Amino acid sequence: MLPFKSHMNDEILVEYAGVNTNLENVYKITSHPHMNAFGELCGKPKKNKRKTKFIEDDLMSFKQLGYAVCHNTLDKHGKKVYIHHNMRTFKERKQGNVN
């Protein structure tokens, strides 16, 4: 279970999953329904499987679609740690509510 729940449909929670063979950071989507939806959309059709690991380029694509991307753990101050902000979280950051 995640340390907190996000009820924001425009916010994707990710968990760091390591590094791939190209030395790129790899993340796993942990928020529902994003995990299934983006897994289906970005899946590999020839293997008929959902994609479960996403790299920085994928996360940037989610940002371009209007989603905020943040880690599924809180920082030492109890605030969300965003990798990419969207318009809503950018406004909240300017007000001092998020990192």
C-alpha atoms as a PDB file:
ATOM      1  CA  MET A   1       0.000   0.000   0.000  1.00  0.00           C
ATOM      2  CA  LEU A   2       1.194   3.485  -0.816  1.00  0.00           C
ATOM      3  CA  PRO A   3       2.059   5.848   2.044  1.00  0.00           C
ATOM      4  CA  PHE A   4      -0.584   8.241   0.684  1.00  0.00           C
ATOM      5  CA  LYS A   5      -3.357   8.182  -1.890  1.00  0.00           C
ATOM      6  CA  SER A   6      -3.817  10.599  -4.715  1.00  0.00           C
ATOM      7  CA  HIS A   7      -7.340  11.265  -5.892  1.00  0.00           C
ATOM      8  CA  MET A   8      -6.091  13.611  -8.578  1.00  0.00           C
ATOM      9  CA  ASN A   9      -6.812  12.201 -12.019  1.00  0.00           C
ATOM     10  CA  ASP A  10      -4.148  14.482 -13.497  1.00  0.00           C
ATOM     11  CA  GLU A  11      -1.400  13.115 -11.240  1.00  0.00           C
ATOM     12  CA  ILE A  12       0.580   9.930 -11.952  1.00  0.00           C
ATOM     13  CA  LEU A  13       2.411   8.290  -9.054  1.00  0.00           C
ATOM     14  CA  VAL A  14       5.630   6.455  -9.925  1.00  0.00           C
ATOM     15  CA  GLU A  15       8.165   4.348  -8.082  1.00  0.00           C
ATOM     16  CA  TYR A  16      11.845   4.249  -9.004  1.00  0.00           C
ATOM     17  CA  ALA A  17      12.601   0.764 -10.354  1.00  0.00           C
ATOM     18  CA  GLY A  18      16.312   1.008 -11.167  1.00  0.00           C
ATOM     19  CA  VAL A  19      18.343   1.463 -14.321  1.00  0.00           C
ATOM     20  CA  ASN A  20      17.956  -0.294 -17.673  1.00  0.00           C
ATOM     21  CA  THR A  21      20.701  -1.580 -19.968  1.00  0.00           C
ATOM     22  CA  ASN A  22      21.018   1.870 -21.595  1.00  0.00           C
ATOM     23  CA  LEU A  23      21.689   3.390 -18.132  1.00  0.00           C
ATOM     24  CA  GLU A  24      18.344   5.229 -18.157  1.00  0.00           C
ATOM     25  CA  ASN A  25      16.308   5.606 -14.987  1.00  0.00           C
ATOM     26  CA  VAL A  26      13.295   3.294 -15.019  1.00  0.00           C
ATOM     27  CA  TYR A  27      10.026   3.931 -13.187  1.00  0.00           C
ATOM     28  CA  LYS A  28       6.929   1.851 -12.455  1.00  0.00           C
ATOM     29  CA  ILE A  29       3.497   3.529 -12.360  1.00  0.00           C
ATOM     30  CA  THR A  30       1.785   2.765  -9.051  1.00  0.00           C
ATOM     31  CA  SER A  31      -1.367   4.908  -9.256  1.00  0.00           C
ATOM     32  CA  HIS A  32      -4.674   3.426 -10.301  1.00  0.00           C
ATOM     33  CA  PRO A  33      -6.091   3.591 -13.040  1.00  0.00           C
ATOM     34  CA  HIS A  34      -2.974   5.020 -14.693  1.00  0.00           C
ATOM     35  CA  MET A  35      -1.002   1.796 -14.247  1.00  0.00           C
ATOM     36  CA  ASN A  36      -3.400  -0.229 -16.390  1.00  0.00           C
ATOM     37  CA  ALA A  37      -4.324   2.513 -18.839  1.00  0.00           C
ATOM     38  CA  PHE A  38      -0.797   3.604 -19.744  1.00  0.00           C
ATOM     39  CA  GLY A  39       0.379   0.005 -19.676  1.00  0.00           C
ATOM     40  CA  GLU A  40      -2.211  -0.822 -22.328  1.00  0.00           C
ATOM     41  CA  LEU A  41      -1.510   2.274 -24.412  1.00  0.00           C
ATOM     42  CA  CYS A  42       2.253   1.851 -24.350  1.00  0.00           C
ATOM     43  CA  GLY A  43       2.266  -1.961 -24.465  1.00  0.00           C
ATOM     44  CA  LYS A  44       4.223  -4.022 -26.920  1.00  0.00           C
ATOM     45  CA  PRO A  45       1.661  -5.389 -29.407  1.00  0.00           C
ATOM     46  CA  LYS A  46       3.778  -8.282 -30.664  1.00  0.00           C
ATOM     47  CA  LYS A  47       4.102  -9.751 -27.164  1.00  0.00           C
ATOM     48  CA  ASN A  48       0.502  -8.869 -26.268  1.00  0.00           C
ATOM     49  CA  LYS A  49       1.658  -7.644 -22.843  1.00  0.00           C
ATOM     50  CA  ARG A  50       1.265  -4.435 -20.915  1.00  0.00           C
ATOM     51  CA  LYS A  51       4.284  -2.214 -20.529  1.00  0.00           C
ATOM     52  CA  THR A  52       5.201  -1.983 -16.853  1.00  0.00           C
ATOM     53  CA  LYS A  53       8.458   0.023 -16.856  1.00  0.00           C
ATOM     54  CA  PHE A  54       8.737   3.577 -18.130  1.00  0.00           C
ATOM     55  CA  ILE A  55      11.791   5.758 -18.793  1.00  0.00           C
ATOM     56  CA  GLU A  56      12.240   9.542 -18.500  1.00  0.00           C
ATOM     57  CA  ASP A  57      11.076  10.078 -22.099  1.00  0.00           C
ATOM     58  CA  ASP A  58       7.792   8.321 -21.267  1.00  0.00           C
ATOM     59  CA  LEU A  59       7.335  10.506 -18.187  1.00  0.00           C
ATOM     60  CA  MET A  60       7.941  13.616 -20.293  1.00  0.00           C
ATOM     61  CA  SER A  61       5.277  12.396 -22.726  1.00  0.00           C
ATOM     62  CA  PHE A  62       2.821  12.101 -19.825  1.00  0.00           C
ATOM     63  CA  LYS A  63       3.677  15.702 -18.854  1.00  0.00           C
ATOM     64  CA  GLN A  64       3.009  16.837 -22.410  1.00  0.00           C
ATOM     65  CA  LEU A  65      -0.409  15.182 -22.168  1.00  0.00           C
ATOM     66  CA  GLY A  66      -1.147  17.346 -19.106  1.00  0.00           C
ATOM     67  CA  TYR A  67      -0.311  14.929 -16.292  1.00  0.00           C
ATOM     68  CA  ALA A  68       1.823  15.740 -13.280  1.00  0.00           C
ATOM     69  CA  VAL A  69       4.283  12.958 -12.392  1.00  0.00           C
ATOM     70  CA  CYS A  70       5.429  12.477  -8.804  1.00  0.00           C
ATOM     71  CA  HIS A  71       7.123   9.874  -6.631  1.00  0.00           C
ATOM     72  CA  ASN A  72       4.790   7.681  -4.595  1.00  0.00           C
ATOM     73  CA  THR A  73       6.647   8.519  -1.384  1.00  0.00           C
ATOM     74  CA  LEU A  74       6.686  11.758   0.557  1.00  0.00           C
ATOM     75  CA  ASP A  75       9.793  13.794   1.333  1.00  0.00           C
ATOM     76  CA  LYS A  76      11.086  14.393   4.868  1.00  0.00           C
ATOM     77  CA  HIS A  77       8.670  17.329   5.247  1.00  0.00           C
ATOM     78  CA  GLY A  78       5.638  15.225   4.301  1.00  0.00           C
ATOM     79  CA  LYS A  79       5.190  16.787   0.860  1.00  0.00           C
ATOM     80  CA  LYS A  80       4.915  15.156  -2.544  1.00  0.00           C
ATOM     81  CA  VAL A  81       8.060  15.112  -4.696  1.00  0.00           C
ATOM     82  CA  TYR A  82       7.239  15.937  -8.301  1.00  0.00           C
ATOM     83  CA  ILE A  83       9.328  14.847 -11.268  1.00  0.00           C
ATOM     84  CA  HIS A  84       7.186  16.886 -13.690  1.00  0.00           C
ATOM     85  CA  HIS A  85       4.568  19.509 -12.823  1.00  0.00           C
ATOM     86  CA  ASN A  86       1.419  20.282 -14.766  1.00  0.00           C
ATOM     87  CA  MET A  87      -0.457  23.606 -14.672  1.00  0.00           C
ATOM     88  CA  ARG A  88      -2.341  22.762 -11.452  1.00  0.00           C
ATOM     89  CA  THR A  89       0.703  21.607  -9.498  1.00  0.00           C
ATOM     90  CA  PHE A  90       2.820  24.459 -10.864  1.00  0.00           C
ATOM     91  CA  LYS A  91       0.298  26.960  -9.426  1.00  0.00           C
ATOM     92  CA  GLU A  92       0.297  25.059  -6.112  1.00  0.00           C
ATOM     93  CA  ARG A  93       4.104  25.129  -6.055  1.00  0.00           C
ATOM     94  CA  LYS A  94       4.110  28.913  -6.512  1.00  0.00           C
ATOM     95  CA  GLN A  95       1.770  29.152  -3.519  1.00  0.00           C
ATOM     96  CA  GLY A  96       4.159  26.968  -1.484  1.00  0.00           C
ATOM     97  CA  ASN A  97       1.919  23.884  -1.142  1.00  0.00           C
ATOM     98  CA  VAL A  98       4.101  21.351  -3.016  1.00  0.00           C
ATOM     99  CA  ASN A  99       7.756  20.825  -3.977  1.00  0.00           C
END
